[in-house]
Amino acid sequence: MKNTKSKSSKTGKQPKAVANDEKQKRKIERIEATLKRLAKLKNSTRSGIYSAKIGKRIIAASVRLMNAKGELEVRG
């Protein structure tokens, strides 16, 4: 009889799909934390000449977040 148990359950590791899901969740949390930090920085009154650079970083982080969540559609 063939062994039906998956290898991951034998070794005590999570199946790949579950592990990737956890990894994706952590990635999203990390990007959200970055966005929160950048927004706080942008709202501070002392940002001055760096506000445009901070804005660019906010846009980049929000695009990364949308991409990680799968909300971004690719055209063309």
PDB file of N, CA and C in Angstrom:
ATOM      1  N   MET A   1       0.838  -1.194   0.000  1.00  0.00           N
ATOM      2  CA  MET A   1       0.000   0.000   0.000  1.00  0.00           C
ATOM      3  C   MET A   1       0.880   1.254   0.000  1.00  0.00           C
ATOM      4  N   LYS A   2       0.461   2.206  -0.785  1.00  0.00           N
ATOM      5  CA  LYS A   2       1.232   3.433  -0.906  1.00  0.00           C
ATOM      6  C   LYS A   2       0.997   4.333   0.311  1.00  0.00           C
ATOM      7  N   ASN A   3       2.048   5.003   0.716  1.00  0.00           N
ATOM      8  CA  ASN A   3       1.933   5.920   1.840  1.00  0.00           C
ATOM      9  C   ASN A   3       1.247   7.204   1.366  1.00  0.00           C
ATOM     10  N   THR A   4       0.090   7.509   1.951  1.00  0.00           N
ATOM     11  CA  THR A   4      -0.684   8.656   1.476  1.00  0.00           C
ATOM     12  C   THR A   4      -0.358   9.943   2.224  1.00  0.00           C
ATOM     13  N   LYS A   5       0.383   9.841   3.328  1.00  0.00           N
ATOM     14  CA  LYS A   5       0.718  11.038   4.096  1.00  0.00           C
ATOM     15  C   LYS A   5       1.728  11.888   3.327  1.00  0.00           C
ATOM     16  N   SER A   6       1.524  13.173   3.338  1.00  0.00           N
ATOM     17  CA  SER A   6       2.460  14.035   2.628  1.00  0.00           C
ATOM     18  C   SER A   6       3.763  14.129   3.408  1.00  0.00           C
ATOM     19  N   LYS A   7       4.829  14.384   2.697  1.00  0.00           N
ATOM     20  CA  LYS A   7       6.152  14.440   3.310  1.00  0.00           C
ATOM     21  C   LYS A   7       6.242  15.561   4.342  1.00  0.00           C
ATOM     22  N   SER A   8       5.578  16.678   4.057  1.00  0.00           N
ATOM     23  CA  SER A   8       5.674  17.824   4.961  1.00  0.00           C
ATOM     24  C   SER A   8       5.085  17.511   6.330  1.00  0.00           C
ATOM     25  N   SER A   9       4.037  16.687   6.361  1.00  0.00           N
ATOM     26  CA  SER A   9       3.433  16.365   7.650  1.00  0.00           C
ATOM     27  C   SER A   9       4.316  15.399   8.442  1.00  0.00           C
ATOM     28  N   LYS A  10       5.123  14.625   7.722  1.00  0.00           N
ATOM     29  CA  LYS A  10       6.042  13.706   8.400  1.00  0.00           C
ATOM     30  C   LYS A  10       7.162  14.462   9.096  1.00  0.00           C
ATOM     31  N   THR A  11       7.708  15.429   8.423  1.00  0.00           N
ATOM     32  CA  THR A  11       8.873  16.135   8.951  1.00  0.00           C
ATOM     33  C   THR A  11       8.485  17.242   9.927  1.00  0.00           C
ATOM     34  N   GLY A  12       7.204  17.502  10.073  1.00  0.00           N
ATOM     35  CA  GLY A  12       6.759  18.533  11.011  1.00  0.00           C
ATOM     36  C   GLY A  12       6.729  19.918  10.407  1.00  0.00           C
ATOM     37  N   LYS A  13       7.061  20.026   9.128  1.00  0.00           N
ATOM     38  CA  LYS A  13       7.004  21.325   8.460  1.00  0.00           C
ATOM     39  C   LYS A  13       5.604  21.555   7.905  1.00  0.00           C
ATOM     40  N   GLN A  14       5.314  22.822   7.602  1.00  0.00           N
ATOM     41  CA  GLN A  14       4.016  23.134   7.010  1.00  0.00           C
ATOM     42  C   GLN A  14       4.042  22.805   5.522  1.00  0.00           C
ATOM     43  N   PRO A  15       2.884  22.486   4.955  1.00  0.00           N
ATOM     44  CA  PRO A  15       2.837  22.332   3.497  1.00  0.00           C
ATOM     45  C   PRO A  15       3.222  23.648   2.822  1.00  0.00           C
ATOM     46  N   LYS A  16       3.748  23.537   1.623  1.00  0.00           N
ATOM     47  CA  LYS A  16       4.291  24.709   0.928  1.00  0.00           C
ATOM     48  C   LYS A  16       3.259  25.826   0.758  1.00  0.00           C
ATOM     49  N   ALA A  17       2.029  25.460   0.438  1.00  0.00           N
ATOM     50  CA  ALA A  17       0.982  26.468   0.210  1.00  0.00           C
ATOM     51  C   ALA A  17       0.728  27.271   1.485  1.00  0.00           C
ATOM     52  N   VAL A  18       0.688  26.591   2.625  1.00  0.00           N
ATOM     53  CA  VAL A  18       0.447  27.262   3.907  1.00  0.00           C
ATOM     54  C   VAL A  18       1.626  28.160   4.250  1.00  0.00           C
ATOM     55  N   ALA A  19       2.847  27.656   4.029  1.00  0.00           N
ATOM     56  CA  ALA A  19       4.053  28.430   4.325  1.00  0.00           C
ATOM     57  C   ALA A  19       4.109  29.687   3.461  1.00  0.00           C
ATOM     58  N   ASN A  20       3.770  29.544   2.176  1.00  0.00           N
ATOM     59  CA  ASN A  20       3.772  30.698   1.273  1.00  0.00           C
ATOM     60  C   ASN A  20       2.712  31.710   1.674  1.00  0.00           C
ATOM     61  N   ASP A  21       1.573  31.219   2.132  1.00  0.00           N
ATOM     62  CA  ASP A  21       0.488  32.088   2.583  1.00  0.00           C
ATOM     63  C   ASP A  21       0.937  32.926   3.780  1.00  0.00           C
ATOM     64  N   GLU A  22       1.618  32.262   4.725  1.00  0.00           N
ATOM     65  CA  GLU A  22       2.141  32.958   5.903  1.00  0.00           C
ATOM     66  C   GLU A  22       3.173  34.012   5.490  1.00  0.00           C
ATOM     67  N   LYS A  23       4.026  33.620   4.549  1.00  0.00           N
ATOM     68  CA  LYS A  23       5.069  34.522   4.063  1.00  0.00           C
ATOM     69  C   LYS A  23       4.443  35.759   3.418  1.00  0.00           C
ATOM     70  N   GLN A  24       3.405  35.541   2.618  1.00  0.00           N
ATOM     71  CA  GLN A  24       2.704  36.635   1.938  1.00  0.00           C
ATOM     72  C   GLN A  24       2.042  37.555   2.964  1.00  0.00           C
ATOM     73  N   LYS A  25       1.460  36.959   4.015  1.00  0.00           N
ATOM     74  CA  LYS A  25       0.806  37.736   5.059  1.00  0.00           C
ATOM     75  C   LYS A  25       1.805  38.644   5.778  1.00  0.00           C
ATOM     76  N   ARG A  26       2.974  38.079   6.087  1.00  0.00           N
ATOM     77  CA  ARG A  26       4.032  38.865   6.746  1.00  0.00           C
ATOM     78  C   ARG A  26       4.518  39.987   5.842  1.00  0.00           C
ATOM     79  N   LYS A  27       4.624  39.679   4.541  1.00  0.00           N
ATOM     80  CA  LYS A  27       5.071  40.671   3.554  1.00  0.00           C
ATOM     81  C   LYS A  27       4.099  41.846   3.522  1.00  0.00           C
ATOM     82  N   ILE A  28       2.790  41.545   3.491  1.00  0.00           N
ATOM     83  CA  ILE A  28       1.757  42.582   3.459  1.00  0.00           C
ATOM     84  C   ILE A  28       1.809  43.424   4.733  1.00  0.00           C
ATOM     85  N   GLU A  29       1.969  42.761   5.884  1.00  0.00           N
ATOM     86  CA  GLU A  29       2.057  43.485   7.161  1.00  0.00           C
ATOM     87  C   GLU A  29       3.252  44.433   7.168  1.00  0.00           C
ATOM     88  N   ARG A  30       4.374  43.964   6.617  1.00  0.00           N
ATOM     89  CA  ARG A  30       5.592  44.777   6.591  1.00  0.00           C
ATOM     90  C   ARG A  30       5.397  46.012   5.717  1.00  0.00           C
ATOM     91  N   ILE A  31       4.760  45.835   4.556  1.00  0.00           N
ATOM     92  CA  ILE A  31       4.529  46.971   3.652  1.00  0.00           C
ATOM     93  C   ILE A  31       3.557  47.961   4.285  1.00  0.00           C
ATOM     94  N   GLU A  32       2.517  47.435   4.970  1.00  0.00           N
ATOM     95  CA  GLU A  32       1.554  48.318   5.640  1.00  0.00           C
ATOM     96  C   GLU A  32       2.233  49.133   6.735  1.00  0.00           C
ATOM     97  N   ALA A  33       3.159  48.515   7.455  1.00  0.00           N
ATOM     98  CA  ALA A  33       3.905  49.224   8.499  1.00  0.00           C
ATOM     99  C   ALA A  33       4.752  50.334   7.883  1.00  0.00           C
ATOM    100  N   THR A  34       5.360  50.045   6.742  1.00  0.00           N
ATOM    101  CA  THR A  34       6.157  51.048   6.024  1.00  0.00           C
ATOM    102  C   THR A  34       5.280  52.223   5.617  1.00  0.00           C
ATOM    103  N   LEU A  35       4.100  51.906   5.069  1.00  0.00           N
ATOM    104  CA  LEU A  35       3.175  52.961   4.638  1.00  0.00           C
ATOM    105  C   LEU A  35       2.755  53.835   5.808  1.00  0.00           C
ATOM    106  N   LYS A  36       2.467  53.183   6.926  1.00  0.00           N
ATOM    107  CA  LYS A  36       2.039  53.922   8.118  1.00  0.00           C
ATOM    108  C   LYS A  36       3.139  54.878   8.583  1.00  0.00           C
ATOM    109  N   ARG A  37       4.373  54.359   8.559  1.00  0.00           N
ATOM    110  CA  ARG A  37       5.520  55.173   8.988  1.00  0.00           C
ATOM    111  C   ARG A  37       5.736  56.356   8.046  1.00  0.00           C
ATOM    112  N   LEU A  38       5.616  56.101   6.739  1.00  0.00           N
ATOM    113  CA  LEU A  38       5.810  57.168   5.752  1.00  0.00           C
ATOM    114  C   LEU A  38       4.713  58.223   5.846  1.00  0.00           C
ATOM    115  N   ALA A  39       3.475  57.786   6.097  1.00  0.00           N
ATOM    116  CA  ALA A  39       2.366  58.732   6.221  1.00  0.00           C
ATOM    117  C   ALA A  39       2.573  59.635   7.422  1.00  0.00           C
ATOM    118  N   LYS A  40       3.074  59.052   8.501  1.00  0.00           N
ATOM    119  CA  LYS A  40       3.357  59.819   9.712  1.00  0.00           C
ATOM    120  C   LYS A  40       4.434  60.870   9.424  1.00  0.00           C
ATOM    121  N   LEU A  41       5.434  60.443   8.643  1.00  0.00           N
ATOM    122  CA  LEU A  41       6.535  61.332   8.275  1.00  0.00           C
ATOM    123  C   LEU A  41       6.031  62.463   7.384  1.00  0.00           C
ATOM    124  N   LYS A  42       5.143  62.120   6.463  1.00  0.00           N
ATOM    125  CA  LYS A  42       4.598  63.116   5.528  1.00  0.00           C
ATOM    126  C   LYS A  42       3.746  64.144   6.262  1.00  0.00           C
ATOM    127  N   ASN A  43       3.041  63.700   7.285  1.00  0.00           N
ATOM    128  CA  ASN A  43       2.169  64.606   8.029  1.00  0.00           C
ATOM    129  C   ASN A  43       2.937  65.504   8.984  1.00  0.00           C
ATOM    130  N   SER A  44       4.198  65.159   9.248  1.00  0.00           N
ATOM    131  CA  SER A  44       4.966  66.002  10.167  1.00  0.00           C
ATOM    132  C   SER A  44       5.258  67.339   9.491  1.00  0.00           C
ATOM    133  N   THR A  45       5.331  68.376  10.262  1.00  0.00           N
ATOM    134  CA  THR A  45       5.491  69.725   9.711  1.00  0.00           C
ATOM    135  C   THR A  45       6.926  69.977   9.265  1.00  0.00           C
ATOM    136  N   ARG A  46       7.864  69.151   9.722  1.00  0.00           N
ATOM    137  CA  ARG A  46       9.264  69.419   9.432  1.00  0.00           C
ATOM    138  C   ARG A  46       9.780  68.666   8.198  1.00  0.00           C
ATOM    139  N   SER A  47       8.877  68.124   7.386  1.00  0.00           N
ATOM    140  CA  SER A  47       9.336  67.360   6.224  1.00  0.00           C
ATOM    141  C   SER A  47       9.948  68.277   5.156  1.00  0.00           C
ATOM    142  N   GLY A  48       9.405  69.481   5.000  1.00  0.00           N
ATOM    143  CA  GLY A  48       9.993  70.502   4.127  1.00  0.00           C
ATOM    144  C   GLY A  48      10.273  70.062   2.712  1.00  0.00           C
ATOM    145  N   ILE A  49      11.531  70.205   2.294  1.00  0.00           N
ATOM    146  CA  ILE A  49      11.905  69.934   0.905  1.00  0.00           C
ATOM    147  C   ILE A  49      11.849  68.449   0.561  1.00  0.00           C
ATOM    148  N   TYR A  50      11.776  67.595   1.568  1.00  0.00           N
ATOM    149  CA  TYR A  50      11.774  66.153   1.308  1.00  0.00           C
ATOM    150  C   TYR A  50      10.370  65.603   1.064  1.00  0.00           C
ATOM    151  N   SER A  51       9.355  66.473   1.123  1.00  0.00           N
ATOM    152  CA  SER A  51       7.976  65.974   1.026  1.00  0.00           C
ATOM    153  C   SER A  51       7.701  65.265  -0.301  1.00  0.00           C
ATOM    154  N   ALA A  52       8.311  65.734  -1.389  1.00  0.00           N
ATOM    155  CA  ALA A  52       8.100  65.090  -2.695  1.00  0.00           C
ATOM    156  C   ALA A  52       8.714  63.692  -2.710  1.00  0.00           C
ATOM    157  N   LYS A  53       9.894  63.573  -2.118  1.00  0.00           N
ATOM    158  CA  LYS A  53      10.555  62.263  -2.063  1.00  0.00           C
ATOM    159  C   LYS A  53       9.750  61.294  -1.202  1.00  0.00           C
ATOM    160  N   ILE A  54       9.227  61.802  -0.120  1.00  0.00           N
ATOM    161  CA  ILE A  54       8.401  60.965   0.762  1.00  0.00           C
ATOM    162  C   ILE A  54       7.142  60.533   0.017  1.00  0.00           C
ATOM    163  N   GLY A  55       6.554  61.459  -0.740  1.00  0.00           N
ATOM    164  CA  GLY A  55       5.376  61.148  -1.541  1.00  0.00           C
ATOM    165  C   GLY A  55       5.641  60.037  -2.542  1.00  0.00           C
ATOM    166  N   LYS A  56       6.816  60.101  -3.185  1.00  0.00           N
ATOM    167  CA  LYS A  56       7.204  59.061  -4.145  1.00  0.00           C
ATOM    168  C   LYS A  56       7.318  57.715  -3.444  1.00  0.00           C
ATOM    169  N   ARG A  57       7.914  57.731  -2.261  1.00  0.00           N
ATOM    170  CA  ARG A  57       8.083  56.488  -1.506  1.00  0.00           C
ATOM    171  C   ARG A  57       6.735  55.923  -1.069  1.00  0.00           C
ATOM    172  N   ILE A  58       5.787  56.816  -0.735  1.00  0.00           N
ATOM    173  CA  ILE A  58       4.436  56.379  -0.357  1.00  0.00           C
ATOM    174  C   ILE A  58       3.750  55.703  -1.551  1.00  0.00           C
ATOM    175  N   ILE A  59       3.872  56.328  -2.727  1.00  0.00           N
ATOM    176  CA  ILE A  59       3.264  55.759  -3.924  1.00  0.00           C
ATOM    177  C   ILE A  59       3.880  54.389  -4.234  1.00  0.00           C
ATOM    178  N   ALA A  60       5.208  54.300  -4.140  1.00  0.00           N
ATOM    179  CA  ALA A  60       5.901  53.033  -4.415  1.00  0.00           C
ATOM    180  C   ALA A  60       5.449  51.947  -3.445  1.00  0.00           C
ATOM    181  N   ALA A  61       5.329  52.308  -2.163  1.00  0.00           N
ATOM    182  CA  ALA A  61       4.916  51.330  -1.146  1.00  0.00           C
ATOM    183  C   ALA A  61       3.474  50.891  -1.365  1.00  0.00           C
ATOM    184  N   SER A  62       2.604  51.839  -1.750  1.00  0.00           N
ATOM    185  CA  SER A  62       1.207  51.477  -1.964  1.00  0.00           C
ATOM    186  C   SER A  62       1.042  50.587  -3.195  1.00  0.00           C
ATOM    187  N   VAL A  63       1.881  50.804  -4.222  1.00  0.00           N
ATOM    188  CA  VAL A  63       1.852  49.940  -5.409  1.00  0.00           C
ATOM    189  C   VAL A  63       2.327  48.540  -5.031  1.00  0.00           C
ATOM    190  N   ARG A  64       3.391  48.470  -4.213  1.00  0.00           N
ATOM    191  CA  ARG A  64       3.885  47.164  -3.748  1.00  0.00           C
ATOM    192  C   ARG A  64       2.819  46.431  -2.953  1.00  0.00           C
ATOM    193  N   LEU A  65       2.083  47.188  -2.126  1.00  0.00           N
ATOM    194  CA  LEU A  65       1.023  46.591  -1.308  1.00  0.00           C
ATOM    195  C   LEU A  65      -0.097  46.046  -2.187  1.00  0.00           C
ATOM    196  N   MET A  66      -0.526  46.848  -3.166  1.00  0.00           N
ATOM    197  CA  MET A  66      -1.583  46.405  -4.072  1.00  0.00           C
ATOM    198  C   MET A  66      -1.151  45.177  -4.862  1.00  0.00           C
ATOM    199  N   ASN A  67       0.108  45.157  -5.257  1.00  0.00           N
ATOM    200  CA  ASN A  67       0.644  44.022  -6.008  1.00  0.00           C
ATOM    201  C   ASN A  67       0.672  42.767  -5.140  1.00  0.00           C
ATOM    202  N   ALA A  68       1.053  42.930  -3.874  1.00  0.00           N
ATOM    203  CA  ALA A  68       1.118  41.793  -2.949  1.00  0.00           C
ATOM    204  C   ALA A  68      -0.273  41.242  -2.657  1.00  0.00           C
ATOM    205  N   LYS A  69      -1.260  42.128  -2.608  1.00  0.00           N
ATOM    206  CA  LYS A  69      -2.634  41.694  -2.346  1.00  0.00           C
ATOM    207  C   LYS A  69      -3.313  41.148  -3.599  1.00  0.00           C
ATOM    208  N   GLY A  70      -2.691  41.393  -4.760  1.00  0.00           N
ATOM    209  CA  GLY A  70      -3.257  40.910  -6.021  1.00  0.00           C
ATOM    210  C   GLY A  70      -4.333  41.816  -6.570  1.00  0.00           C
ATOM    211  N   GLU A  71      -4.319  43.071  -6.181  1.00  0.00           N
ATOM    212  CA  GLU A  71      -5.323  44.027  -6.654  1.00  0.00           C
ATOM    213  C   GLU A  71      -4.856  44.783  -7.892  1.00  0.00           C
ATOM    214  N   LEU A  72      -3.621  44.533  -8.304  1.00  0.00           N
ATOM    215  CA  LEU A  72      -3.050  45.286  -9.407  1.00  0.00           C
ATOM    216  C   LEU A  72      -3.241  44.506 -10.706  1.00  0.00           C
ATOM    217  N   GLU A  73      -3.821  45.169 -11.705  1.00  0.00           N
ATOM    218  CA  GLU A  73      -4.019  44.527 -13.002  1.00  0.00           C
ATOM    219  C   GLU A  73      -2.955  45.025 -13.967  1.00  0.00           C
ATOM    220  N   VAL A  74      -2.434  44.118 -14.739  1.00  0.00           N
ATOM    221  CA  VAL A  74      -1.419  44.480 -15.724  1.00  0.00           C
ATOM    222  C   VAL A  74      -2.095  44.669 -17.072  1.00  0.00           C
ATOM    223  N   ARG A  75      -1.810  45.790 -17.681  1.00  0.00           N
ATOM    224  CA  ARG A  75      -2.390  46.078 -18.991  1.00  0.00           C
ATOM    225  C   ARG A  75      -1.401  45.712 -20.089  1.00  0.00           C
ATOM    226  N   GLY A  76      -1.969  45.481 -21.278  1.00  0.00           N
ATOM    227  CA  GLY A  76      -1.116  45.292 -22.447  1.00  0.00           C
ATOM    228  C   GLY A  76      -0.750  43.865 -22.745  1.00  0.00           C
TER     229      GLY A  76
END
